[in-house]
Amino acid sequence: MIYVDKEGAWFHKGAPIIHRELLVLFYQCLSLDEEGRYIITLKDQVCRLDVEDTPFVILRADFVPARRDGQTERFVLHLIDQTKEELVPETLSIGPGHVLYCKVKAGEFAARFLRPSYYQIADYIEEEPETGRYFLYLNRKKYYLN
């Protein structure tokens, strides 16, 4: 069985999987089964993963300011699978231990913000004094964290 820890490190029988191309392939073949468990499907073989939190983690969150050409403010997320995508702010949530999450890959997977990316986006998160709720203010709109 393959194990993925909360920091996004992969292991097979206790040994770290460090081959980047193999890990990228695993991410490309990753899906959820009918019961919501993580699986890798390669050709006709299926391998179930033991995942501590979520296999997708966010390494970096870059704020991109609005531009005069109409491009709006946004965050570009750098994921552990060597891809980048824009944050969908409506998917931000706070989990146990005040860990920040969002949805990635067209909303299919949850992704955990690692400490560096958490601090990068936390600079833009505010608390609403009257309700105590947290929100990300982006493009003149409040996105409340669930």
C-alpha atoms as a PDB file:
ATOM      1  CA  MET A   1       0.000   0.000   0.000  1.00  0.00           C
ATOM      2  CA  ILE A   2       1.045   3.559  -0.698  1.00  0.00           C
ATOM      3  CA  TYR A   3       0.833   6.109   2.118  1.00  0.00           C
ATOM      4  CA  VAL A   4       0.642   9.915   1.714  1.00  0.00           C
ATOM      5  CA  ASP A   5       1.398  12.023   4.789  1.00  0.00           C
ATOM      6  CA  LYS A   6      -0.198  15.391   5.605  1.00  0.00           C
ATOM      7  CA  GLU A   7       2.744  17.275   4.065  1.00  0.00           C
ATOM      8  CA  GLY A   8       2.207  15.535   0.704  1.00  0.00           C
ATOM      9  CA  ALA A   9       5.134  13.080   0.957  1.00  0.00           C
ATOM     10  CA  TRP A  10       4.486   9.658  -0.579  1.00  0.00           C
ATOM     11  CA  PHE A  11       5.778   6.350   0.808  1.00  0.00           C
ATOM     12  CA  HIS A  12       5.694   2.725  -0.316  1.00  0.00           C
ATOM     13  CA  LYS A  13       6.230   0.159   2.436  1.00  0.00           C
ATOM     14  CA  GLY A  14       7.769   2.893   4.578  1.00  0.00           C
ATOM     15  CA  ALA A  15      10.293   4.028   1.949  1.00  0.00           C
ATOM     16  CA  PRO A  16       9.859   7.528   0.488  1.00  0.00           C
ATOM     17  CA  ILE A  17       8.873   7.763  -3.161  1.00  0.00           C
ATOM     18  CA  ILE A  18      11.136  10.489  -4.496  1.00  0.00           C
ATOM     19  CA  HIS A  19      11.100   9.957  -8.268  1.00  0.00           C
ATOM     20  CA  ARG A  20       9.393  13.156  -9.511  1.00  0.00           C
ATOM     21  CA  GLU A  21       8.154  11.722 -12.809  1.00  0.00           C
ATOM     22  CA  LEU A  22       6.567   8.755 -11.027  1.00  0.00           C
ATOM     23  CA  LEU A  23       4.828  11.039  -8.531  1.00  0.00           C
ATOM     24  CA  VAL A  24       3.518  13.251 -11.337  1.00  0.00           C
ATOM     25  CA  LEU A  25       2.148  10.137 -13.059  1.00  0.00           C
ATOM     26  CA  PHE A  26       0.472   9.031  -9.811  1.00  0.00           C
ATOM     27  CA  TYR A  27      -1.201  12.442  -9.471  1.00  0.00           C
ATOM     28  CA  GLN A  28      -2.421  12.246 -13.081  1.00  0.00           C
ATOM     29  CA  CYS A  29      -3.963   8.821 -12.384  1.00  0.00           C
ATOM     30  CA  LEU A  30      -5.463   9.801  -9.017  1.00  0.00           C
ATOM     31  CA  SER A  31      -9.206   9.659  -8.463  1.00  0.00           C
ATOM     32  CA  LEU A  32     -11.790   8.902  -5.814  1.00  0.00           C
ATOM     33  CA  ASP A  33     -13.705   5.640  -5.720  1.00  0.00           C
ATOM     34  CA  GLU A  34     -17.444   5.369  -5.028  1.00  0.00           C
ATOM     35  CA  GLU A  35     -16.779   5.516  -1.287  1.00  0.00           C
ATOM     36  CA  GLY A  36     -14.603   8.628  -1.481  1.00  0.00           C
ATOM     37  CA  ARG A  37     -11.283   6.810  -1.033  1.00  0.00           C
ATOM     38  CA  TYR A  38      -8.219   7.856  -3.008  1.00  0.00           C
ATOM     39  CA  ILE A  39      -7.116   5.420  -5.706  1.00  0.00           C
ATOM     40  CA  ILE A  40      -4.550   5.319  -8.493  1.00  0.00           C
ATOM     41  CA  THR A  41      -5.679   3.593 -11.677  1.00  0.00           C
ATOM     42  CA  LEU A  42      -2.905   2.606 -14.093  1.00  0.00           C
ATOM     43  CA  LYS A  43      -4.015   0.577 -17.093  1.00  0.00           C
ATOM     44  CA  ASP A  44      -6.084  -2.210 -15.526  1.00  0.00           C
ATOM     45  CA  GLN A  45      -4.566  -2.013 -12.040  1.00  0.00           C
ATOM     46  CA  VAL A  46      -6.072  -0.125  -9.117  1.00  0.00           C
ATOM     47  CA  CYS A  47      -4.118   0.797  -6.002  1.00  0.00           C
ATOM     48  CA  ARG A  48      -5.841   2.279  -2.989  1.00  0.00           C
ATOM     49  CA  LEU A  49      -3.944   4.969  -1.067  1.00  0.00           C
ATOM     50  CA  ASP A  50      -3.713   5.440   2.674  1.00  0.00           C
ATOM     51  CA  VAL A  51      -3.888   9.239   2.973  1.00  0.00           C
ATOM     52  CA  GLU A  52      -3.273  11.037   6.272  1.00  0.00           C
ATOM     53  CA  ASP A  53      -5.102  14.203   5.168  1.00  0.00           C
ATOM     54  CA  THR A  54      -5.207  14.918   1.425  1.00  0.00           C
ATOM     55  CA  PRO A  55      -2.685  14.048  -1.292  1.00  0.00           C
ATOM     56  CA  PHE A  56      -2.846  17.539  -2.797  1.00  0.00           C
ATOM     57  CA  VAL A  57      -1.010  20.236  -0.901  1.00  0.00           C
ATOM     58  CA  ILE A  58      -0.402  23.844  -1.840  1.00  0.00           C
ATOM     59  CA  LEU A  59       3.238  24.836  -1.783  1.00  0.00           C
ATOM     60  CA  ARG A  60       2.788  28.511  -2.664  1.00  0.00           C
ATOM     61  CA  ALA A  61      -0.048  31.020  -3.099  1.00  0.00           C
ATOM     62  CA  ASP A  62       0.861  34.028  -5.226  1.00  0.00           C
ATOM     63  CA  PHE A  63      -1.359  37.107  -5.154  1.00  0.00           C
ATOM     64  CA  VAL A  64      -1.790  38.634  -8.621  1.00  0.00           C
ATOM     65  CA  PRO A  65      -3.166  42.195  -8.534  1.00  0.00           C
ATOM     66  CA  ALA A  66      -5.802  43.470 -10.942  1.00  0.00           C
ATOM     67  CA  ARG A  67      -4.569  44.871 -14.229  1.00  0.00           C
ATOM     68  CA  ARG A  68      -5.821  47.675 -16.416  1.00  0.00           C
ATOM     69  CA  ASP A  69      -6.750  45.205 -19.164  1.00  0.00           C
ATOM     70  CA  GLY A  70      -9.608  43.899 -17.016  1.00  0.00           C
ATOM     71  CA  GLN A  71      -7.810  40.993 -15.393  1.00  0.00           C
ATOM     72  CA  THR A  72      -9.138  40.763 -11.822  1.00  0.00           C
ATOM     73  CA  GLU A  73      -7.289  40.113  -8.566  1.00  0.00           C
ATOM     74  CA  ARG A  74      -6.567  36.452  -7.960  1.00  0.00           C
ATOM     75  CA  PHE A  75      -4.350  33.924  -6.272  1.00  0.00           C
ATOM     76  CA  VAL A  76      -2.318  31.445  -8.277  1.00  0.00           C
ATOM     77  CA  LEU A  77      -1.767  28.215  -6.358  1.00  0.00           C
ATOM     78  CA  HIS A  78       1.349  26.111  -6.880  1.00  0.00           C
ATOM     79  CA  LEU A  79       0.417  22.500  -6.175  1.00  0.00           C
ATOM     80  CA  ILE A  80       2.637  19.609  -5.213  1.00  0.00           C
ATOM     81  CA  ASP A  81       1.938  17.855  -8.527  1.00  0.00           C
ATOM     82  CA  GLN A  82       3.884  20.636 -10.306  1.00  0.00           C
ATOM     83  CA  THR A  83       0.746  22.321 -11.641  1.00  0.00           C
ATOM     84  CA  LYS A  84      -0.642  25.801 -11.066  1.00  0.00           C
ATOM     85  CA  GLU A  85      -4.242  26.879 -10.909  1.00  0.00           C
ATOM     86  CA  GLU A  86      -6.289  29.811  -9.786  1.00  0.00           C
ATOM     87  CA  LEU A  87      -7.839  29.717  -6.354  1.00  0.00           C
ATOM     88  CA  VAL A  88     -11.615  29.365  -6.366  1.00  0.00           C
ATOM     89  CA  PRO A  89     -12.222  31.557  -3.289  1.00  0.00           C
ATOM     90  CA  GLU A  90     -15.692  30.105  -2.613  1.00  0.00           C
ATOM     91  CA  THR A  91     -14.025  26.773  -1.780  1.00  0.00           C
ATOM     92  CA  LEU A  92     -11.836  28.077   1.066  1.00  0.00           C
ATOM     93  CA  SER A  93     -12.481  26.378   4.386  1.00  0.00           C
ATOM     94  CA  ILE A  94     -10.877  25.977   7.771  1.00  0.00           C
ATOM     95  CA  GLY A  95     -10.425  22.445   9.044  1.00  0.00           C
ATOM     96  CA  PRO A  96      -9.408  20.923  12.370  1.00  0.00           C
ATOM     97  CA  GLY A  97      -6.390  22.586  13.940  1.00  0.00           C
ATOM     98  CA  HIS A  98      -7.123  25.792  11.969  1.00  0.00           C
ATOM     99  CA  VAL A  99      -5.726  24.225   8.788  1.00  0.00           C
ATOM    100  CA  LEU A 100      -6.731  26.033   5.603  1.00  0.00           C
ATOM    101  CA  TYR A 101      -8.125  24.057   2.637  1.00  0.00           C
ATOM    102  CA  CYS A 102      -9.622  24.715  -0.771  1.00  0.00           C
ATOM    103  CA  LYS A 103     -10.842  22.649  -3.695  1.00  0.00           C
ATOM    104  CA  VAL A 104      -8.590  21.992  -6.694  1.00  0.00           C
ATOM    105  CA  LYS A 105      -8.756  20.120  -9.977  1.00  0.00           C
ATOM    106  CA  ALA A 106     -12.160  21.498 -10.995  1.00  0.00           C
ATOM    107  CA  GLY A 107     -13.433  20.971  -7.448  1.00  0.00           C
ATOM    108  CA  GLU A 108     -12.730  17.240  -7.405  1.00  0.00           C
ATOM    109  CA  PHE A 109     -10.137  17.245  -4.619  1.00  0.00           C
ATOM    110  CA  ALA A 110      -9.472  19.062  -1.379  1.00  0.00           C
ATOM    111  CA  ALA A 111      -6.021  20.589  -1.016  1.00  0.00           C
ATOM    112  CA  ARG A 112      -4.255  21.520   2.199  1.00  0.00           C
ATOM    113  CA  PHE A 113      -2.300  24.770   2.446  1.00  0.00           C
ATOM    114  CA  LEU A 114       1.174  24.031   3.782  1.00  0.00           C
ATOM    115  CA  ARG A 115       2.561  26.506   6.267  1.00  0.00           C
ATOM    116  CA  PRO A 116       4.359  28.786   3.735  1.00  0.00           C
ATOM    117  CA  SER A 117       1.317  29.046   1.437  1.00  0.00           C
ATOM    118  CA  TYR A 118      -0.962  29.502   4.460  1.00  0.00           C
ATOM    119  CA  TYR A 119       1.028  32.544   5.565  1.00  0.00           C
ATOM    120  CA  GLN A 120       1.007  33.947   2.029  1.00  0.00           C
ATOM    121  CA  ILE A 121      -2.794  33.914   1.820  1.00  0.00           C
ATOM    122  CA  ALA A 122      -3.389  34.675   5.521  1.00  0.00           C
ATOM    123  CA  ASP A 123      -2.134  38.214   4.897  1.00  0.00           C
ATOM    124  CA  TYR A 124      -5.312  38.750   2.857  1.00  0.00           C
ATOM    125  CA  ILE A 125      -7.774  37.094   5.255  1.00  0.00           C
ATOM    126  CA  GLU A 126      -9.669  39.335   7.663  1.00  0.00           C
ATOM    127  CA  GLU A 127     -12.006  38.836  10.589  1.00  0.00           C
ATOM    128  CA  GLU A 128     -15.416  40.431  10.538  1.00  0.00           C
ATOM    129  CA  PRO A 129     -15.654  42.106  13.989  1.00  0.00           C
ATOM    130  CA  GLU A 130     -19.425  41.899  14.358  1.00  0.00           C
ATOM    131  CA  THR A 131     -19.676  38.161  13.520  1.00  0.00           C
ATOM    132  CA  GLY A 132     -16.190  36.806  14.225  1.00  0.00           C
ATOM    133  CA  ARG A 133     -16.239  35.113  10.805  1.00  0.00           C
ATOM    134  CA  TYR A 134     -13.165  35.082   8.596  1.00  0.00           C
ATOM    135  CA  PHE A 135     -13.203  36.103   4.952  1.00  0.00           C
ATOM    136  CA  LEU A 136     -10.950  36.718   1.989  1.00  0.00           C
ATOM    137  CA  TYR A 137     -11.607  40.110   0.409  1.00  0.00           C
ATOM    138  CA  LEU A 138     -10.976  39.817  -3.308  1.00  0.00           C
ATOM    139  CA  ASN A 139     -12.293  41.967  -6.164  1.00  0.00           C
ATOM    140  CA  ARG A 140     -14.450  43.986  -3.773  1.00  0.00           C
ATOM    141  CA  LYS A 141     -16.213  40.875  -2.533  1.00  0.00           C
ATOM    142  CA  LYS A 142     -16.063  38.958   0.755  1.00  0.00           C
ATOM    143  CA  TYR A 143     -15.501  35.218   0.491  1.00  0.00           C
ATOM    144  CA  TYR A 144     -16.314  33.669   3.848  1.00  0.00           C
ATOM    145  CA  LEU A 145     -14.282  30.676   4.979  1.00  0.00           C
ATOM    146  CA  ASN A 146     -16.509  27.718   5.797  1.00  0.00           C
END
